[in-house]
Amino acid sequence: MYKQSYNLSKAVLSAYVKETGCRKEYIWETDTMSGNNWSKVPTTLIKLGYMSNPAEDRRMQNAACQKKMVNGMANGIKAYLLGQ
């Protein structure tokens, strides 16, 4: 299950970056996150931006940007499911 979960996270991150144009960081593997650390299956948590950054905070409030974020995540899930 590890490999499939990692590949899903990779697909979602890549598609999100492609759609939004944001800077690609990395896939962070941890079991110390409250809320996710009791999960019985791997999870993917996506940081959509940083509210501590005023420019990113304003950008994330924009409807057009929100649509790109959603499309990016959906495209990543679709790519994973289609094996692309």
N, C-alpha and C. Protein backbone atom coordinates (compact mmCIF):
# COMPACT_ATOMS: atom_id res chain seq x y z
N MET A 1 0.83 -1.19 0.00
CA MET A 1 0.00 0.00 0.00
C MET A 1 0.88 1.27 0.00
N TYR A 2 2.10 1.16 0.52
CA TYR A 2 2.98 2.32 0.59
C TYR A 2 3.24 2.91 -0.80
N LYS A 3 3.62 2.05 -1.72
CA LYS A 3 3.96 2.53 -3.07
C LYS A 3 2.78 3.21 -3.74
N GLN A 4 1.59 2.63 -3.61
CA GLN A 4 0.39 3.23 -4.22
C GLN A 4 0.07 4.58 -3.58
N SER A 5 0.19 4.64 -2.27
CA SER A 5 -0.10 5.89 -1.57
C SER A 5 0.90 6.97 -1.97
N TYR A 6 2.17 6.60 -2.05
CA TYR A 6 3.20 7.56 -2.45
C TYR A 6 2.94 8.05 -3.87
N ASN A 7 2.59 7.13 -4.76
CA ASN A 7 2.33 7.50 -6.15
C ASN A 7 1.12 8.43 -6.27
N LEU A 8 0.10 8.21 -5.44
CA LEU A 8 -1.05 9.11 -5.43
C LEU A 8 -0.61 10.50 -4.98
N SER A 9 0.14 10.58 -3.90
CA SER A 9 0.62 11.88 -3.41
C SER A 9 1.46 12.58 -4.48
N LYS A 10 2.31 11.83 -5.14
CA LYS A 10 3.17 12.38 -6.19
C LYS A 10 2.34 12.92 -7.36
N ALA A 11 1.33 12.18 -7.76
CA ALA A 11 0.47 12.60 -8.88
C ALA A 11 -0.31 13.86 -8.53
N VAL A 12 -0.85 13.90 -7.31
CA VAL A 12 -1.63 15.07 -6.89
C VAL A 12 -0.72 16.29 -6.79
N LEU A 13 0.45 16.13 -6.19
CA LEU A 13 1.38 17.26 -6.06
C LEU A 13 1.80 17.78 -7.44
N SER A 14 2.16 16.90 -8.32
CA SER A 14 2.60 17.32 -9.66
C SER A 14 1.50 18.05 -10.42
N ALA A 15 0.29 17.52 -10.39
CA ALA A 15 -0.82 18.15 -11.11
C ALA A 15 -1.20 19.48 -10.47
N TYR A 16 -1.14 19.56 -9.16
CA TYR A 16 -1.45 20.80 -8.45
C TYR A 16 -0.46 21.90 -8.83
N VAL A 17 0.81 21.56 -8.85
CA VAL A 17 1.85 22.53 -9.21
C VAL A 17 1.69 22.96 -10.67
N LYS A 18 1.41 22.01 -11.54
CA LYS A 18 1.22 22.33 -12.96
C LYS A 18 0.05 23.28 -13.16
N GLU A 19 -1.05 23.03 -12.48
CA GLU A 19 -2.27 23.84 -12.65
C GLU A 19 -2.13 25.23 -12.02
N THR A 20 -1.52 25.29 -10.85
CA THR A 20 -1.48 26.56 -10.12
C THR A 20 -0.24 27.39 -10.38
N GLY A 21 0.82 26.75 -10.84
CA GLY A 21 2.08 27.47 -11.06
C GLY A 21 2.85 27.74 -9.78
N CYS A 22 2.44 27.12 -8.69
CA CYS A 22 3.14 27.36 -7.43
C CYS A 22 4.45 26.58 -7.41
N ARG A 23 5.28 26.90 -6.44
CA ARG A 23 6.59 26.26 -6.32
C ARG A 23 6.40 24.85 -5.76
N LYS A 24 7.03 23.88 -6.38
CA LYS A 24 6.94 22.50 -5.92
C LYS A 24 7.92 22.30 -4.78
N GLU A 25 7.41 21.78 -3.68
CA GLU A 25 8.29 21.52 -2.55
C GLU A 25 8.60 20.03 -2.49
N TYR A 26 7.89 19.25 -1.72
CA TYR A 26 8.23 17.85 -1.58
C TYR A 26 7.08 17.08 -0.95
N ILE A 27 7.21 15.77 -0.97
CA ILE A 27 6.28 14.90 -0.25
C ILE A 27 6.94 14.61 1.10
N TRP A 28 6.24 14.96 2.14
CA TRP A 28 6.76 14.81 3.48
C TRP A 28 6.10 13.60 4.12
N GLU A 29 6.89 12.64 4.51
CA GLU A 29 6.37 11.43 5.13
C GLU A 29 6.56 11.52 6.64
N THR A 30 5.45 11.44 7.37
CA THR A 30 5.52 11.53 8.83
C THR A 30 4.33 10.81 9.45
N ASP A 31 4.51 10.39 10.68
CA ASP A 31 3.40 9.81 11.43
C ASP A 31 3.15 10.62 12.70
N THR A 32 3.52 11.89 12.67
CA THR A 32 3.41 12.74 13.86
C THR A 32 2.35 13.83 13.73
N MET A 33 1.53 13.78 12.71
CA MET A 33 0.54 14.84 12.50
C MET A 33 -0.77 14.49 13.19
N SER A 34 -1.18 15.31 14.09
CA SER A 34 -2.44 15.11 14.81
C SER A 34 -3.58 15.04 13.80
N GLY A 35 -4.45 14.09 13.98
CA GLY A 35 -5.58 13.92 13.07
C GLY A 35 -5.30 12.87 12.01
N ASN A 36 -4.08 12.80 11.55
CA ASN A 36 -3.70 11.78 10.55
C ASN A 36 -2.95 10.63 11.18
N ASN A 37 -2.34 10.86 12.33
CA ASN A 37 -1.45 9.84 12.87
C ASN A 37 -2.16 8.59 13.40
N TRP A 38 -3.49 8.59 13.52
CA TRP A 38 -4.21 7.40 13.95
C TRP A 38 -4.88 6.69 12.77
N SER A 39 -4.65 7.18 11.59
CA SER A 39 -5.26 6.57 10.42
C SER A 39 -4.72 5.16 10.21
N LYS A 40 -5.58 4.28 9.78
CA LYS A 40 -5.17 2.90 9.52
C LYS A 40 -4.71 2.71 8.08
N VAL A 41 -4.87 3.73 7.26
CA VAL A 41 -4.40 3.70 5.88
C VAL A 41 -3.60 4.98 5.61
N PRO A 42 -2.73 4.98 4.64
CA PRO A 42 -1.98 6.19 4.32
C PRO A 42 -2.92 7.33 3.92
N THR A 43 -2.54 8.54 4.23
CA THR A 43 -3.33 9.72 3.89
C THR A 43 -2.47 10.71 3.13
N THR A 44 -3.13 11.59 2.41
CA THR A 44 -2.46 12.68 1.72
C THR A 44 -3.05 13.98 2.21
N LEU A 45 -2.21 14.84 2.72
CA LEU A 45 -2.61 16.17 3.19
C LEU A 45 -1.93 17.18 2.28
N ILE A 46 -2.71 18.08 1.70
CA ILE A 46 -2.15 19.05 0.76
C ILE A 46 -2.14 20.43 1.40
N LYS A 47 -0.96 21.04 1.44
CA LYS A 47 -0.84 22.44 1.86
C LYS A 47 -1.12 23.28 0.64
N LEU A 48 -2.20 24.01 0.66
CA LEU A 48 -2.60 24.81 -0.50
C LEU A 48 -1.85 26.14 -0.57
N GLY A 49 -1.25 26.52 0.50
CA GLY A 49 -0.51 27.78 0.57
C GLY A 49 -0.29 28.13 2.03
N TYR A 50 0.29 29.28 2.24
CA TYR A 50 0.62 29.71 3.60
C TYR A 50 -0.13 31.00 3.93
N MET A 51 -1.04 30.92 4.88
CA MET A 51 -1.79 32.11 5.29
C MET A 51 -0.89 33.12 5.99
N SER A 52 0.27 32.69 6.46
CA SER A 52 1.22 33.61 7.08
C SER A 52 1.90 34.51 6.04
N ASN A 53 1.76 34.15 4.77
CA ASN A 53 2.29 34.95 3.67
C ASN A 53 1.12 35.78 3.12
N PRO A 54 1.13 37.11 3.34
CA PRO A 54 -0.02 37.93 2.92
C PRO A 54 -0.39 37.78 1.44
N ALA A 55 0.60 37.69 0.56
CA ALA A 55 0.31 37.56 -0.87
C ALA A 55 -0.39 36.22 -1.16
N GLU A 56 0.11 35.15 -0.57
CA GLU A 56 -0.51 33.84 -0.78
C GLU A 56 -1.90 33.80 -0.15
N ASP A 57 -2.05 34.42 1.00
CA ASP A 57 -3.35 34.45 1.67
C ASP A 57 -4.39 35.12 0.79
N ARG A 58 -4.03 36.25 0.19
CA ARG A 58 -4.97 36.95 -0.72
C ARG A 58 -5.25 36.11 -1.96
N ARG A 59 -4.21 35.49 -2.50
CA ARG A 59 -4.37 34.67 -3.71
C ARG A 59 -5.33 33.51 -3.46
N MET A 60 -5.22 32.87 -2.30
CA MET A 60 -6.08 31.72 -2.01
C MET A 60 -7.54 32.12 -1.82
N GLN A 61 -7.82 33.39 -1.61
CA GLN A 61 -9.19 33.87 -1.46
C GLN A 61 -9.85 34.18 -2.80
N ASN A 62 -9.07 34.18 -3.87
CA ASN A 62 -9.55 34.49 -5.19
C ASN A 62 -10.25 33.28 -5.81
N ALA A 63 -11.46 33.47 -6.32
CA ALA A 63 -12.25 32.37 -6.88
C ALA A 63 -11.54 31.67 -8.04
N ALA A 64 -10.87 32.43 -8.88
CA ALA A 64 -10.17 31.82 -10.02
C ALA A 64 -9.01 30.94 -9.53
N CYS A 65 -8.34 31.40 -8.51
CA CYS A 65 -7.24 30.62 -7.93
C CYS A 65 -7.78 29.36 -7.26
N GLN A 66 -8.88 29.49 -6.56
CA GLN A 66 -9.50 28.33 -5.91
C GLN A 66 -9.88 27.27 -6.94
N LYS A 67 -10.38 27.73 -8.08
CA LYS A 67 -10.75 26.79 -9.15
C LYS A 67 -9.51 26.05 -9.66
N LYS A 68 -8.39 26.76 -9.81
CA LYS A 68 -7.15 26.13 -10.24
C LYS A 68 -6.68 25.10 -9.21
N MET A 69 -6.80 25.44 -7.93
CA MET A 69 -6.37 24.51 -6.88
C MET A 69 -7.20 23.22 -6.93
N VAL A 70 -8.51 23.38 -7.06
CA VAL A 70 -9.39 22.22 -7.13
C VAL A 70 -9.11 21.40 -8.39
N ASN A 71 -8.96 22.07 -9.52
CA ASN A 71 -8.67 21.35 -10.77
C ASN A 71 -7.34 20.60 -10.67
N GLY A 72 -6.35 21.23 -10.07
CA GLY A 72 -5.06 20.57 -9.92
C GLY A 72 -5.16 19.29 -9.11
N MET A 73 -5.86 19.36 -7.98
CA MET A 73 -6.03 18.16 -7.15
C MET A 73 -6.82 17.08 -7.90
N ALA A 74 -7.90 17.49 -8.55
CA ALA A 74 -8.73 16.53 -9.29
C ALA A 74 -7.94 15.90 -10.44
N ASN A 75 -7.16 16.70 -11.13
CA ASN A 75 -6.34 16.17 -12.23
C ASN A 75 -5.32 15.16 -11.72
N GLY A 76 -4.76 15.42 -10.54
CA GLY A 76 -3.80 14.48 -9.96
C GLY A 76 -4.45 13.16 -9.60
N ILE A 77 -5.62 13.21 -9.01
CA ILE A 77 -6.35 11.99 -8.66
C ILE A 77 -6.70 11.21 -9.92
N LYS A 78 -7.17 11.95 -10.92
CA LYS A 78 -7.52 11.31 -12.21
C LYS A 78 -6.29 10.65 -12.84
N ALA A 79 -5.16 11.35 -12.86
CA ALA A 79 -3.94 10.79 -13.44
C ALA A 79 -3.52 9.52 -12.70
N TYR A 80 -3.63 9.55 -11.38
CA TYR A 80 -3.28 8.36 -10.61
C TYR A 80 -4.21 7.19 -10.96
N LEU A 81 -5.50 7.44 -10.98
CA LEU A 81 -6.46 6.38 -11.25
C LEU A 81 -6.34 5.81 -12.66
N LEU A 82 -5.92 6.66 -13.60
CA LEU A 82 -5.75 6.20 -14.98
C LEU A 82 -4.35 5.64 -15.24
N GLY A 83 -3.51 5.67 -14.20
CA GLY A 83 -2.15 5.13 -14.33
C GLY A 83 -1.22 5.96 -15.16
N GLN A 84 -1.44 7.26 -15.21
CA GLN A 84 -0.62 8.15 -16.03
C GLN A 84 0.53 8.71 -15.24
